[in-house]
Amino acid sequence: MALHRHLDRCALSANTIKAYRARVRAYGAWLAAHARDHPDAFVDQVGAEAAVTAWRRHLVATKGSPSTVNQALAAIDLLYETGAAAYG
């Protein structure tokens, strides 16, 4: 996956890289469970924004921690920036 290759080259701590990978997996699992609601999450910007917004709402409702939510959103931003097509 392009994201994993990118993370391997980043100057991030091992813990941050591990957390980003976990957040991307969590997003993928959430998307799989909500595929009917977000079939276009990797099709265009509108679909991506709708899916990420819904996932953010889910995180806020279930996790609560602002730092967890912010880290998850940073990981997903990186996912889309580095080539979501390779993921989706």
PDB file of N, CA and C in Angstrom:
ATOM      1  N   MET A   1       0.834  -1.167   0.000  1.00  0.00           N
ATOM      2  CA  MET A   1       0.000   0.000   0.000  1.00  0.00           C
ATOM      3  C   MET A   1       0.889   1.243   0.000  1.00  0.00           C
ATOM      4  N   ALA A   2       0.497   2.227  -0.742  1.00  0.00           N
ATOM      5  CA  ALA A   2       1.279   3.455  -0.851  1.00  0.00           C
ATOM      6  C   ALA A   2       1.472   4.124   0.507  1.00  0.00           C
ATOM      7  N   LEU A   3       0.465   4.078   1.347  1.00  0.00           N
ATOM      8  CA  LEU A   3       0.580   4.691   2.668  1.00  0.00           C
ATOM      9  C   LEU A   3       1.690   4.025   3.478  1.00  0.00           C
ATOM     10  N   HIS A   4       1.748   2.718   3.460  1.00  0.00           N
ATOM     11  CA  HIS A   4       2.785   2.014   4.223  1.00  0.00           C
ATOM     12  C   HIS A   4       4.179   2.363   3.712  1.00  0.00           C
ATOM     13  N   ARG A   5       4.329   2.440   2.412  1.00  0.00           N
ATOM     14  CA  ARG A   5       5.634   2.827   1.854  1.00  0.00           C
ATOM     15  C   ARG A   5       5.986   4.251   2.284  1.00  0.00           C
ATOM     16  N   HIS A   6       5.015   5.123   2.258  1.00  0.00           N
ATOM     17  CA  HIS A   6       5.242   6.513   2.666  1.00  0.00           C
ATOM     18  C   HIS A   6       5.640   6.575   4.143  1.00  0.00           C
ATOM     19  N   LEU A   7       4.914   5.868   4.994  1.00  0.00           N
ATOM     20  CA  LEU A   7       5.216   5.888   6.419  1.00  0.00           C
ATOM     21  C   LEU A   7       6.609   5.333   6.708  1.00  0.00           C
ATOM     22  N   ASP A   8       7.017   4.347   5.941  1.00  0.00           N
ATOM     23  CA  ASP A   8       8.349   3.780   6.131  1.00  0.00           C
ATOM     24  C   ASP A   8       9.451   4.804   5.858  1.00  0.00           C
ATOM     25  N   ARG A   9       9.147   5.818   5.053  1.00  0.00           N
ATOM     26  CA  ARG A   9      10.141   6.842   4.701  1.00  0.00           C
ATOM     27  C   ARG A   9      10.016   8.104   5.539  1.00  0.00           C
ATOM     28  N   CYS A  10       8.964   8.220   6.321  1.00  0.00           N
ATOM     29  CA  CYS A  10       8.733   9.431   7.118  1.00  0.00           C
ATOM     30  C   CYS A  10       9.614   9.474   8.352  1.00  0.00           C
ATOM     31  N   ALA A  11       9.830  10.682   8.808  1.00  0.00           N
ATOM     32  CA  ALA A  11      10.595  10.875  10.040  1.00  0.00           C
ATOM     33  C   ALA A  11       9.629  10.926  11.224  1.00  0.00           C
ATOM     34  N   LEU A  12       8.862   9.851  11.385  1.00  0.00           N
ATOM     35  CA  LEU A  12       7.913   9.748  12.484  1.00  0.00           C
ATOM     36  C   LEU A  12       8.398   8.665  13.438  1.00  0.00           C
ATOM     37  N   SER A  13       7.965   8.760  14.674  1.00  0.00           N
ATOM     38  CA  SER A  13       8.344   7.729  15.638  1.00  0.00           C
ATOM     39  C   SER A  13       7.676   6.409  15.270  1.00  0.00           C
ATOM     40  N   ALA A  14       8.264   5.330  15.731  1.00  0.00           N
ATOM     41  CA  ALA A  14       7.709   4.001  15.475  1.00  0.00           C
ATOM     42  C   ALA A  14       6.294   3.888  16.043  1.00  0.00           C
ATOM     43  N   ASN A  15       6.059   4.514  17.193  1.00  0.00           N
ATOM     44  CA  ASN A  15       4.730   4.474  17.799  1.00  0.00           C
ATOM     45  C   ASN A  15       3.703   5.217  16.944  1.00  0.00           C
ATOM     46  N   THR A  16       4.092   6.340  16.373  1.00  0.00           N
ATOM     47  CA  THR A  16       3.180   7.097  15.514  1.00  0.00           C
ATOM     48  C   THR A  16       2.851   6.301  14.265  1.00  0.00           C
ATOM     49  N   ILE A  17       3.849   5.693  13.669  1.00  0.00           N
ATOM     50  CA  ILE A  17       3.621   4.882  12.471  1.00  0.00           C
ATOM     51  C   ILE A  17       2.682   3.726  12.792  1.00  0.00           C
ATOM     52  N   LYS A  18       2.913   3.069  13.900  1.00  0.00           N
ATOM     53  CA  LYS A  18       2.046   1.962  14.320  1.00  0.00           C
ATOM     54  C   LYS A  18       0.610   2.452  14.541  1.00  0.00           C
ATOM     55  N   ALA A  19       0.465   3.606  15.175  1.00  0.00           N
ATOM     56  CA  ALA A  19      -0.863   4.161  15.433  1.00  0.00           C
ATOM     57  C   ALA A  19      -1.562   4.543  14.130  1.00  0.00           C
ATOM     58  N   TYR A  20      -0.838   5.165  13.203  1.00  0.00           N
ATOM     59  CA  TYR A  20      -1.434   5.540  11.923  1.00  0.00           C
ATOM     60  C   TYR A  20      -1.927   4.298  11.184  1.00  0.00           C
ATOM     61  N   ARG A  21      -1.117   3.261  11.178  1.00  0.00           N
ATOM     62  CA  ARG A  21      -1.533   2.029  10.500  1.00  0.00           C
ATOM     63  C   ARG A  21      -2.778   1.441  11.152  1.00  0.00           C
ATOM     64  N   ALA A  22      -2.832   1.485  12.466  1.00  0.00           N
ATOM     65  CA  ALA A  22      -4.010   0.982  13.176  1.00  0.00           C
ATOM     66  C   ALA A  22      -5.245   1.816  12.851  1.00  0.00           C
ATOM     67  N   ARG A  23      -5.079   3.121  12.764  1.00  0.00           N
ATOM     68  CA  ARG A  23      -6.217   4.006  12.455  1.00  0.00           C
ATOM     69  C   ARG A  23      -6.723   3.768  11.033  1.00  0.00           C
ATOM     70  N   VAL A  24      -5.809   3.532  10.109  1.00  0.00           N
ATOM     71  CA  VAL A  24      -6.211   3.252   8.724  1.00  0.00           C
ATOM     72  C   VAL A  24      -6.960   1.921   8.659  1.00  0.00           C
ATOM     73  N   ARG A  25      -6.478   0.925   9.388  1.00  0.00           N
ATOM     74  CA  ARG A  25      -7.198  -0.360   9.431  1.00  0.00           C
ATOM     75  C   ARG A  25      -8.582  -0.178  10.036  1.00  0.00           C
ATOM     76  N   ALA A  26      -8.681   0.629  11.086  1.00  0.00           N
ATOM     77  CA  ALA A  26      -9.972   0.879  11.726  1.00  0.00           C
ATOM     78  C   ALA A  26     -10.929   1.585  10.765  1.00  0.00           C
ATOM     79  N   TYR A  27     -10.416   2.530  10.001  1.00  0.00           N
ATOM     80  CA  TYR A  27     -11.239   3.223   9.008  1.00  0.00           C
ATOM     81  C   TYR A  27     -11.713   2.241   7.947  1.00  0.00           C
ATOM     82  N   GLY A  28     -10.823   1.383   7.494  1.00  0.00           N
ATOM     83  CA  GLY A  28     -11.191   0.380   6.499  1.00  0.00           C
ATOM     84  C   GLY A  28     -12.271  -0.557   7.019  1.00  0.00           C
ATOM     85  N   ALA A  29     -12.142  -0.980   8.259  1.00  0.00           N
ATOM     86  CA  ALA A  29     -13.157  -1.857   8.858  1.00  0.00           C
ATOM     87  C   ALA A  29     -14.487  -1.128   9.001  1.00  0.00           C
ATOM     88  N   TRP A  30     -14.416   0.123   9.419  1.00  0.00           N
ATOM     89  CA  TRP A  30     -15.646   0.908   9.552  1.00  0.00           C
ATOM     90  C   TRP A  30     -16.304   1.102   8.189  1.00  0.00           C
ATOM     91  N   LEU A  31     -15.501   1.407   7.180  1.00  0.00           N
ATOM     92  CA  LEU A  31     -16.050   1.566   5.831  1.00  0.00           C
ATOM     93  C   LEU A  31     -16.692   0.275   5.335  1.00  0.00           C
ATOM     94  N   ALA A  32     -16.057  -0.844   5.606  1.00  0.00           N
ATOM     95  CA  ALA A  32     -16.618  -2.128   5.182  1.00  0.00           C
ATOM     96  C   ALA A  32     -17.980  -2.362   5.834  1.00  0.00           C
ATOM     97  N   ALA A  33     -18.100  -1.978   7.088  1.00  0.00           N
ATOM     98  CA  ALA A  33     -19.368  -2.142   7.797  1.00  0.00           C
ATOM     99  C   ALA A  33     -20.432  -1.145   7.338  1.00  0.00           C
ATOM    100  N   HIS A  34     -19.997  -0.056   6.717  1.00  0.00           N
ATOM    101  CA  HIS A  34     -20.916   0.999   6.266  1.00  0.00           C
ATOM    102  C   HIS A  34     -20.835   1.212   4.745  1.00  0.00           C
ATOM    103  N   ALA A  35     -20.496   0.172   4.042  1.00  0.00           N
ATOM    104  CA  ALA A  35     -20.289   0.269   2.593  1.00  0.00           C
ATOM    105  C   ALA A  35     -21.531   0.765   1.862  1.00  0.00           C
ATOM    106  N   ARG A  36     -22.690   0.386   2.328  1.00  0.00           N
ATOM    107  CA  ARG A  36     -23.923   0.845   1.666  1.00  0.00           C
ATOM    108  C   ARG A  36     -24.113   2.353   1.803  1.00  0.00           C
ATOM    109  N   ASP A  37     -23.636   2.910   2.895  1.00  0.00           N
ATOM    110  CA  ASP A  37     -23.780   4.348   3.127  1.00  0.00           C
ATOM    111  C   ASP A  37     -22.703   5.176   2.432  1.00  0.00           C
ATOM    112  N   HIS A  38     -21.552   4.554   2.160  1.00  0.00           N
ATOM    113  CA  HIS A  38     -20.411   5.295   1.613  1.00  0.00           C
ATOM    114  C   HIS A  38     -19.719   4.525   0.485  1.00  0.00           C
ATOM    115  N   PRO A  39     -20.463   4.183  -0.564  1.00  0.00           N
ATOM    116  CA  PRO A  39     -19.847   3.418  -1.654  1.00  0.00           C
ATOM    117  C   PRO A  39     -18.825   4.228  -2.454  1.00  0.00           C
ATOM    118  N   ASP A  40     -18.860   5.530  -2.307  1.00  0.00           N
ATOM    119  CA  ASP A  40     -17.993   6.412  -3.084  1.00  0.00           C
ATOM    120  C   ASP A  40     -16.861   7.023  -2.247  1.00  0.00           C
ATOM    121  N   ALA A  41     -16.510   6.376  -1.152  1.00  0.00           N
ATOM    122  CA  ALA A  41     -15.480   6.905  -0.257  1.00  0.00           C
ATOM    123  C   ALA A  41     -14.127   7.065  -0.945  1.00  0.00           C
ATOM    124  N   PHE A  42     -13.887   6.265  -1.990  1.00  0.00           N
ATOM    125  CA  PHE A  42     -12.628   6.358  -2.723  1.00  0.00           C
ATOM    126  C   PHE A  42     -12.850   6.726  -4.187  1.00  0.00           C
ATOM    127  N   VAL A  43     -14.026   7.285  -4.467  1.00  0.00           N
ATOM    128  CA  VAL A  43     -14.352   7.631  -5.853  1.00  0.00           C
ATOM    129  C   VAL A  43     -14.043   9.090  -6.153  1.00  0.00           C
ATOM    130  N   ASP A  44     -14.457   9.967  -5.273  1.00  0.00           N
ATOM    131  CA  ASP A  44     -14.247  11.396  -5.501  1.00  0.00           C
ATOM    132  C   ASP A  44     -14.169  12.126  -4.163  1.00  0.00           C
ATOM    133  N   GLN A  45     -13.884  13.414  -4.231  1.00  0.00           N
ATOM    134  CA  GLN A  45     -13.705  14.201  -3.020  1.00  0.00           C
ATOM    135  C   GLN A  45     -14.975  14.290  -2.196  1.00  0.00           C
ATOM    136  N   VAL A  46     -16.104  14.426  -2.845  1.00  0.00           N
ATOM    137  CA  VAL A  46     -17.376  14.527  -2.128  1.00  0.00           C
ATOM    138  C   VAL A  46     -17.632  13.238  -1.342  1.00  0.00           C
ATOM    139  N   GLY A  47     -17.423  12.103  -1.992  1.00  0.00           N
ATOM    140  CA  GLY A  47     -17.613  10.822  -1.319  1.00  0.00           C
ATOM    141  C   GLY A  47     -16.638  10.631  -0.171  1.00  0.00           C
ATOM    142  N   ALA A  48     -15.397  11.018  -0.391  1.00  0.00           N
ATOM    143  CA  ALA A  48     -14.380  10.897   0.656  1.00  0.00           C
ATOM    144  C   ALA A  48     -14.728  11.772   1.853  1.00  0.00           C
ATOM    145  N   GLU A  49     -15.114  13.017   1.577  1.00  0.00           N
ATOM    146  CA  GLU A  49     -15.451  13.926   2.673  1.00  0.00           C
ATOM    147  C   GLU A  49     -16.652  13.437   3.465  1.00  0.00           C
ATOM    148  N   ALA A  50     -17.647  12.897   2.787  1.00  0.00           N
ATOM    149  CA  ALA A  50     -18.825  12.376   3.476  1.00  0.00           C
ATOM    150  C   ALA A  50     -18.456  11.194   4.364  1.00  0.00           C
ATOM    151  N   ALA A  51     -17.628  10.298   3.849  1.00  0.00           N
ATOM    152  CA  ALA A  51     -17.225   9.126   4.628  1.00  0.00           C
ATOM    153  C   ALA A  51     -16.374   9.532   5.829  1.00  0.00           C
ATOM    154  N   VAL A  52     -15.419  10.420   5.621  1.00  0.00           N
ATOM    155  CA  VAL A  52     -14.546  10.838   6.717  1.00  0.00           C
ATOM    156  C   VAL A  52     -15.340  11.598   7.776  1.00  0.00           C
ATOM    157  N   THR A  53     -16.266  12.418   7.361  1.00  0.00           N
ATOM    158  CA  THR A  53     -17.105  13.148   8.313  1.00  0.00           C
ATOM    159  C   THR A  53     -17.938  12.183   9.157  1.00  0.00           C
ATOM    160  N   ALA A  54     -18.528  11.190   8.512  1.00  0.00           N
ATOM    161  CA  ALA A  54     -19.325  10.195   9.243  1.00  0.00           C
ATOM    162  C   ALA A  54     -18.442   9.394  10.193  1.00  0.00           C
ATOM    163  N   TRP A  55     -17.235   9.042   9.747  1.00  0.00           N
ATOM    164  CA  TRP A  55     -16.333   8.292  10.610  1.00  0.00           C
ATOM    165  C   TRP A  55     -15.898   9.132  11.804  1.00  0.00           C
ATOM    166  N   ARG A  56     -15.662  10.420  11.561  1.00  0.00           N
ATOM    167  CA  ARG A  56     -15.296  11.326  12.658  1.00  0.00           C
ATOM    168  C   ARG A  56     -16.412  11.364  13.695  1.00  0.00           C
ATOM    169  N   ARG A  57     -17.643  11.463  13.233  1.00  0.00           N
ATOM    170  CA  ARG A  57     -18.784  11.454  14.164  1.00  0.00           C
ATOM    171  C   ARG A  57     -18.805  10.157  14.976  1.00  0.00           C
ATOM    172  N   HIS A  58     -18.536   9.054  14.302  1.00  0.00           N
ATOM    173  CA  HIS A  58     -18.472   7.758  14.978  1.00  0.00           C
ATOM    174  C   HIS A  58     -17.377   7.758  16.046  1.00  0.00           C
ATOM    175  N   LEU A  59     -16.206   8.259  15.692  1.00  0.00           N
ATOM    176  CA  LEU A  59     -15.095   8.296  16.649  1.00  0.00           C
ATOM    177  C   LEU A  59     -15.430   9.156  17.860  1.00  0.00           C
ATOM    178  N   VAL A  60     -15.994  10.310  17.611  1.00  0.00           N
ATOM    179  CA  VAL A  60     -16.356  11.206  18.718  1.00  0.00           C
ATOM    180  C   VAL A  60     -17.376  10.522  19.625  1.00  0.00           C
ATOM    181  N   ALA A  61     -18.329   9.834  19.020  1.00  0.00           N
ATOM    182  CA  ALA A  61     -19.373   9.168  19.802  1.00  0.00           C
ATOM    183  C   ALA A  61     -18.848   7.969  20.589  1.00  0.00           C
ATOM    184  N   THR A  62     -17.805   7.312  20.077  1.00  0.00           N
ATOM    185  CA  THR A  62     -17.340   6.083  20.721  1.00  0.00           C
ATOM    186  C   THR A  62     -16.020   6.220  21.465  1.00  0.00           C
ATOM    187  N   LYS A  63     -15.137   7.075  21.020  1.00  0.00           N
ATOM    188  CA  LYS A  63     -13.815   7.188  21.634  1.00  0.00           C
ATOM    189  C   LYS A  63     -13.719   8.380  22.573  1.00  0.00           C
ATOM    190  N   GLY A  64     -14.256   9.493  22.131  1.00  0.00           N
ATOM    191  CA  GLY A  64     -14.273  10.675  22.975  1.00  0.00           C
ATOM    192  C   GLY A  64     -12.995  11.494  23.004  1.00  0.00           C
ATOM    193  N   SER A  65     -11.834  10.875  23.038  1.00  0.00           N
ATOM    194  CA  SER A  65     -10.587  11.607  23.201  1.00  0.00           C
ATOM    195  C   SER A  65     -10.274  12.457  21.971  1.00  0.00           C
ATOM    196  N   PRO A  66     -10.145  13.763  22.161  1.00  0.00           N
ATOM    197  CA  PRO A  66      -9.802  14.617  21.020  1.00  0.00           C
ATOM    198  C   PRO A  66      -8.480  14.229  20.356  1.00  0.00           C
ATOM    199  N   SER A  67      -7.493  13.812  21.140  1.00  0.00           N
ATOM    200  CA  SER A  67      -6.213  13.445  20.532  1.00  0.00           C
ATOM    201  C   SER A  67      -6.337  12.183  19.684  1.00  0.00           C
ATOM    202  N   THR A  68      -7.163  11.234  20.108  1.00  0.00           N
ATOM    203  CA  THR A  68      -7.389  10.022  19.320  1.00  0.00           C
ATOM    204  C   THR A  68      -8.081  10.363  18.011  1.00  0.00           C
ATOM    205  N   VAL A  69      -9.088  11.214  18.088  1.00  0.00           N
ATOM    206  CA  VAL A  69      -9.822  11.618  16.887  1.00  0.00           C
ATOM    207  C   VAL A  69      -8.905  12.372  15.942  1.00  0.00           C
ATOM    208  N   ASN A  70      -8.127  13.294  16.476  1.00  0.00           N
ATOM    209  CA  ASN A  70      -7.218  14.075  15.626  1.00  0.00           C
ATOM    210  C   ASN A  70      -6.166  13.189  14.971  1.00  0.00           C
ATOM    211  N   GLN A  71      -5.624  12.235  15.712  1.00  0.00           N
ATOM    212  CA  GLN A  71      -4.637  11.327  15.132  1.00  0.00           C
ATOM    213  C   GLN A  71      -5.269  10.473  14.039  1.00  0.00           C
ATOM    214  N   ALA A  72      -6.475  10.007  14.284  1.00  0.00           N
ATOM    215  CA  ALA A  72      -7.173   9.193  13.284  1.00  0.00           C
ATOM    216  C   ALA A  72      -7.414  10.001  12.015  1.00  0.00           C
ATOM    217  N   LEU A  73      -7.836  11.243  12.158  1.00  0.00           N
ATOM    218  CA  LEU A  73      -8.081  12.084  10.988  1.00  0.00           C
ATOM    219  C   LEU A  73      -6.785  12.389  10.239  1.00  0.00           C
ATOM    220  N   ALA A  74      -5.700  12.584  10.968  1.00  0.00           N
ATOM    221  CA  ALA A  74      -4.398  12.820  10.319  1.00  0.00           C
ATOM    222  C   ALA A  74      -3.984  11.589   9.516  1.00  0.00           C
ATOM    223  N   ALA A  75      -4.193  10.416  10.078  1.00  0.00           N
ATOM    224  CA  ALA A  75      -3.847   9.182   9.370  1.00  0.00           C
ATOM    225  C   ALA A  75      -4.680   9.020   8.109  1.00  0.00           C
ATOM    226  N   ILE A  76      -5.954   9.341   8.187  1.00  0.00           N
ATOM    227  CA  ILE A  76      -6.841   9.188   7.031  1.00  0.00           C
ATOM    228  C   ILE A  76      -6.533  10.254   5.982  1.00  0.00           C
ATOM    229  N   ASP A  77      -6.195  11.455   6.411  1.00  0.00           N
ATOM    230  CA  ASP A  77      -5.753  12.474   5.449  1.00  0.00           C
ATOM    231  C   ASP A  77      -4.543  11.960   4.669  1.00  0.00           C
ATOM    232  N   LEU A  78      -3.610  11.369   5.380  1.00  0.00           N
ATOM    233  CA  LEU A  78      -2.417  10.824   4.738  1.00  0.00           C
ATOM    234  C   LEU A  78      -2.778   9.678   3.800  1.00  0.00           C
ATOM    235  N   LEU A  79      -3.731   8.861   4.211  1.00  0.00           N
ATOM    236  CA  LEU A  79      -4.196   7.768   3.347  1.00  0.00           C
ATOM    237  C   LEU A  79      -4.677   8.320   2.012  1.00  0.00           C
ATOM    238  N   TYR A  80      -5.542   9.320   2.060  1.00  0.00           N
ATOM    239  CA  TYR A  80      -6.064   9.891   0.822  1.00  0.00           C
ATOM    240  C   TYR A  80      -4.985  10.614   0.023  1.00  0.00           C
ATOM    241  N   GLU A  81      -4.065  11.283   0.698  1.00  0.00           N
ATOM    242  CA  GLU A  81      -3.000  12.001  -0.002  1.00  0.00           C
ATOM    243  C   GLU A  81      -2.018  11.070  -0.708  1.00  0.00           C
ATOM    244  N   THR A  82      -1.799   9.899  -0.144  1.00  0.00           N
ATOM    245  CA  THR A  82      -0.790   8.999  -0.702  1.00  0.00           C
ATOM    246  C   THR A  82      -1.341   7.980  -1.670  1.00  0.00           C
ATOM    247  N   GLY A  83      -2.594   8.094  -1.991  1.00  0.00           N
ATOM    248  CA  GLY A  83      -3.133   7.189  -2.998  1.00  0.00           C
ATOM    249  C   GLY A  83      -4.177   6.226  -2.486  1.00  0.00           C
ATOM    250  N   ALA A  84      -5.317   6.757  -2.162  1.00  0.00           N
ATOM    251  CA  ALA A  84      -6.400   5.925  -1.656  1.00  0.00           C
ATOM    252  C   ALA A  84      -6.797   4.851  -2.635  1.00  0.00           C
ATOM    253  N   ALA A  85      -6.577   5.086  -3.924  1.00  0.00           N
ATOM    254  CA  ALA A  85      -6.963   4.089  -4.935  1.00  0.00           C
ATOM    255  C   ALA A  85      -6.245   2.766  -4.676  1.00  0.00           C
ATOM    256  N   ALA A  86      -5.041   2.849  -4.133  1.00  0.00           N
ATOM    257  CA  ALA A  86      -4.308   1.619  -3.828  1.00  0.00           C
ATOM    258  C   ALA A  86      -4.953   0.882  -2.658  1.00  0.00           C
ATOM    259  N   TYR A  87      -5.698   1.604  -1.828  1.00  0.00           N
ATOM    260  CA  TYR A  87      -6.350   0.998  -0.672  1.00  0.00           C
ATOM    261  C   TYR A  87      -7.722   0.458  -1.031  1.00  0.00           C
ATOM    262  N   GLY A  88      -8.483   1.292  -1.713  1.00  0.00           N
ATOM    263  CA  GLY A  88      -9.876   0.973  -1.963  1.00  0.00           C
ATOM    264  C   GLY A  88     -10.101  -0.025  -3.050  1.00  0.00           C
TER     265      GLY A  88
END
